[in-house]
Amino acid sequence: ALAAGARVEVVERFDERVDALWRDAAPRHPVIARRDLAFLRWRFDRSPAAQRVTRLYIQRRGQLMGYVVLRADSWRGLPVTVVLDYLVRPGWTLPAFALAVEFARRERTAALLCRTLNPEVARPLAAMGFVCFRNGFNLPTRMMARVGPGAEENAALLSDPANWYVTAADSDLGFTPFDPAGT
């Protein structure tokens, strides 16, 4: 069942509430890029493509439980909604994606698509009916990480993709049409 009292709010730009969400959600992800207010404003609110994205706040009783950033796109000639980024509090993956699916339905899109590398979402998305497709890239994916003190201890952590939290916002994929050929 959807978390009691969960609701979605479309916001024009990110606000200070995302900093508390970042502080609460980040520690459970071993390898994650910063997703605080400064980053989100830079990545989405001040981007040349800022008007092309929709920012959803997932809330319960006035508290921000997560956010999902969406973009309208096309895939195989059909209108789709693409998840560019998301971050949720523990236990809020399913409600956040359920509300995003409902939003995409109201927008009359054929599907909600999400490119992510995050072991935490695999089960909830599969339970919702998401299907995992090959990513369509023919070249190896390379990630660059900046580490501070203790780099030697972090090498094993960084070398295992099972530790990563990656979305399209962590790369240029956020700016690239999902299906440029429309086929």
Protein backbone atom coordinates (compact mmCIF):
# COMPACT_ATOMS: atom_id res chain seq x y z
CA ALA A 1 0.00 0.00 0.00
CA LEU A 2 1.08 3.53 -0.73
CA ALA A 3 2.41 5.29 2.37
CA ALA A 4 -0.56 6.84 4.15
CA GLY A 5 -1.00 10.51 3.42
CA ALA A 6 1.58 10.65 0.62
CA ARG A 7 0.96 13.31 -1.98
CA VAL A 8 2.83 14.88 -4.86
CA GLU A 9 3.43 18.58 -5.37
CA VAL A 10 4.84 20.06 -8.57
CA VAL A 11 7.35 22.80 -7.68
CA GLU A 12 8.87 25.43 -9.96
CA ARG A 13 12.29 25.23 -8.35
CA PHE A 14 13.99 23.44 -5.51
CA ASP A 15 13.99 25.00 -2.05
CA GLU A 16 15.74 24.58 1.30
CA ARG A 17 13.72 21.49 2.22
CA VAL A 18 15.96 19.36 0.01
CA ASP A 19 18.95 19.99 2.29
CA ALA A 20 17.27 18.11 5.17
CA LEU A 21 16.29 15.33 2.75
CA TRP A 22 19.91 15.12 1.54
CA ARG A 23 21.26 14.94 5.11
CA ASP A 24 18.81 12.15 6.00
CA ALA A 25 19.03 10.08 2.80
CA ALA A 26 22.69 10.32 1.79
CA PRO A 27 24.29 8.25 4.60
CA ARG A 28 22.59 5.05 3.48
CA HIS A 29 24.21 5.20 0.03
CA PRO A 30 27.91 4.25 0.06
CA VAL A 31 28.71 6.10 -3.21
CA ILE A 32 26.47 9.01 -4.19
CA ALA A 33 27.01 12.43 -5.75
CA ARG A 34 25.88 15.41 -3.71
CA ARG A 35 22.19 16.24 -4.10
CA ASP A 36 21.79 19.25 -1.86
CA LEU A 37 20.07 22.53 -2.75
CA ALA A 38 23.18 24.04 -4.35
CA PHE A 39 23.59 21.04 -6.67
CA LEU A 40 19.89 20.75 -7.57
CA ARG A 41 19.63 24.45 -8.38
CA TRP A 42 22.74 24.22 -10.56
CA ARG A 43 21.71 20.99 -12.27
CA PHE A 44 18.02 21.70 -12.84
CA ASP A 45 16.87 25.20 -11.87
CA ARG A 46 19.66 27.17 -13.59
CA SER A 47 20.15 24.78 -16.51
CA PRO A 48 19.41 26.03 -20.04
CA ALA A 49 16.84 23.19 -20.13
CA ALA A 50 15.20 24.20 -16.80
CA GLN A 51 11.78 24.65 -18.40
CA ARG A 52 11.87 21.13 -19.85
CA VAL A 53 11.93 19.41 -16.44
CA THR A 54 9.20 18.84 -13.90
CA ARG A 55 10.14 18.74 -10.23
CA LEU A 56 7.91 16.61 -8.01
CA TYR A 57 8.06 16.81 -4.23
CA ILE A 58 6.76 13.72 -2.46
CA GLN A 59 5.30 14.83 0.86
CA ARG A 60 3.54 13.47 3.90
CA ARG A 61 2.03 15.70 6.55
CA GLY A 62 4.07 18.65 5.30
CA GLN A 63 7.43 16.84 5.39
CA LEU A 64 9.46 16.31 2.24
CA MET A 65 9.90 12.55 1.85
CA GLY A 66 11.61 12.70 -1.52
CA TYR A 67 11.77 14.31 -4.93
CA VAL A 68 11.61 13.06 -8.51
CA VAL A 69 12.75 15.09 -11.53
CA LEU A 70 11.00 14.24 -14.81
CA ARG A 71 11.28 15.18 -18.48
CA ALA A 72 8.87 14.56 -21.35
CA ASP A 73 10.50 12.58 -24.16
CA SER A 74 9.72 9.96 -26.79
CA TRP A 75 10.61 6.30 -27.13
CA ARG A 76 9.79 4.18 -30.15
CA GLY A 77 7.56 6.95 -31.40
CA LEU A 78 5.49 7.18 -28.21
CA PRO A 79 5.40 9.98 -25.66
CA VAL A 80 7.10 8.92 -22.43
CA THR A 81 8.15 10.48 -19.15
CA VAL A 82 11.79 10.02 -18.15
CA VAL A 83 13.05 10.07 -14.56
CA LEU A 84 16.20 12.20 -14.58
CA ASP A 85 16.86 12.14 -10.85
CA TYR A 86 15.29 11.12 -7.55
CA LEU A 87 16.14 10.95 -3.89
CA VAL A 88 13.91 9.59 -1.14
CA ARG A 89 13.97 8.94 2.56
CA PRO A 90 14.27 5.29 3.66
CA GLY A 91 11.13 3.34 2.80
CA TRP A 92 9.86 5.91 0.30
CA THR A 93 11.05 4.45 -3.00
CA LEU A 94 7.75 2.71 -3.77
CA PRO A 95 5.48 5.65 -2.86
CA ALA A 96 7.67 8.12 -4.76
CA PHE A 97 7.71 6.04 -7.94
CA ALA A 98 4.00 5.20 -7.61
CA LEU A 99 3.21 8.91 -7.49
CA ALA A 100 5.55 9.53 -10.46
CA VAL A 101 3.76 6.79 -12.43
CA GLU A 102 0.41 8.41 -11.59
CA PHE A 103 1.75 11.79 -12.72
CA ALA A 104 2.94 10.26 -16.03
CA ARG A 105 -0.51 8.68 -16.54
CA ARG A 106 -2.19 12.06 -16.03
CA GLU A 107 0.21 13.51 -18.62
CA ARG A 108 -0.99 10.76 -21.00
CA THR A 109 2.43 9.28 -21.60
CA ALA A 110 2.91 5.68 -22.62
CA ALA A 111 5.50 4.82 -19.96
CA LEU A 112 7.71 6.06 -17.16
CA LEU A 113 11.37 5.32 -17.97
CA CYS A 114 14.24 5.45 -15.51
CA ARG A 115 17.96 4.95 -16.05
CA THR A 116 19.52 4.30 -12.68
CA LEU A 117 22.15 2.25 -10.97
CA ASN A 118 20.92 1.81 -7.42
CA PRO A 119 20.49 -1.67 -5.93
CA GLU A 120 17.94 -0.28 -3.46
CA VAL A 121 15.35 0.41 -6.17
CA ALA A 122 15.55 -2.87 -8.10
CA ARG A 123 12.94 -4.75 -6.04
CA PRO A 124 10.43 -1.91 -5.61
CA LEU A 125 10.54 -1.06 -9.31
CA ALA A 126 10.16 -4.71 -10.34
CA ALA A 127 7.21 -5.05 -7.95
CA MET A 128 5.58 -2.07 -9.67
CA GLY A 129 5.98 -3.66 -13.10
CA PHE A 130 9.10 -1.84 -14.30
CA VAL A 131 11.08 -3.95 -16.76
CA CYS A 132 14.87 -3.78 -16.99
CA PHE A 133 16.13 -3.28 -20.54
CA ARG A 134 19.70 -3.29 -21.76
CA ASN A 135 21.01 0.22 -21.45
CA GLY A 136 21.76 0.57 -25.17
CA PHE A 137 25.33 1.73 -24.70
CA ASN A 138 28.00 -0.09 -26.63
CA LEU A 139 30.92 1.44 -24.76
CA PRO A 140 31.89 0.70 -21.16
CA THR A 141 30.47 3.16 -18.68
CA ARG A 142 33.15 5.05 -16.85
CA MET A 143 32.65 6.91 -13.61
CA MET A 144 34.97 9.45 -12.04
CA ALA A 145 35.02 9.93 -8.29
CA ARG A 146 36.82 12.45 -6.16
CA VAL A 147 37.93 11.03 -2.86
CA GLY A 148 39.51 12.73 0.09
CA PRO A 149 41.58 11.30 2.89
CA GLY A 150 41.50 7.53 3.11
CA ALA A 151 41.46 7.00 -0.66
CA GLU A 152 43.03 3.57 -0.27
CA GLU A 153 40.17 2.39 1.94
CA ASN A 154 37.65 3.79 -0.55
CA ALA A 155 39.09 1.95 -3.54
CA ALA A 156 37.16 -1.27 -2.83
CA LEU A 157 33.97 0.69 -2.13
CA LEU A 158 34.25 2.63 -5.38
CA SER A 159 35.24 -0.36 -7.51
CA ASP A 160 31.98 -2.22 -6.81
CA PRO A 161 28.99 -0.86 -8.80
CA ALA A 162 26.66 -2.46 -6.23
CA ASN A 163 27.61 0.46 -3.96
CA TRP A 164 26.73 3.17 -6.46
CA TYR A 165 23.73 5.47 -6.58
CA VAL A 166 23.66 6.87 -10.12
CA THR A 167 20.89 8.57 -12.10
CA ALA A 168 20.78 10.31 -15.47
CA ALA A 169 21.48 13.57 -13.59
CA ASP A 170 24.97 12.29 -12.81
CA SER A 171 25.91 12.44 -16.49
CA ASP A 172 25.05 14.12 -19.76
CA LEU A 173 22.21 11.61 -20.17
CA GLY A 174 20.01 14.14 -18.42
CA PHE A 175 20.37 16.42 -21.44
CA THR A 176 20.20 13.75 -24.14
CA PRO A 177 16.90 12.66 -25.70
CA PHE A 178 16.03 9.16 -24.56
CA ASP A 179 15.44 7.92 -28.08
CA PRO A 180 17.07 10.44 -30.46
CA ALA A 181 16.08 8.43 -33.53
CA GLY A 182 12.49 8.12 -32.37
CA THR A 183 12.52 4.45 -33.32
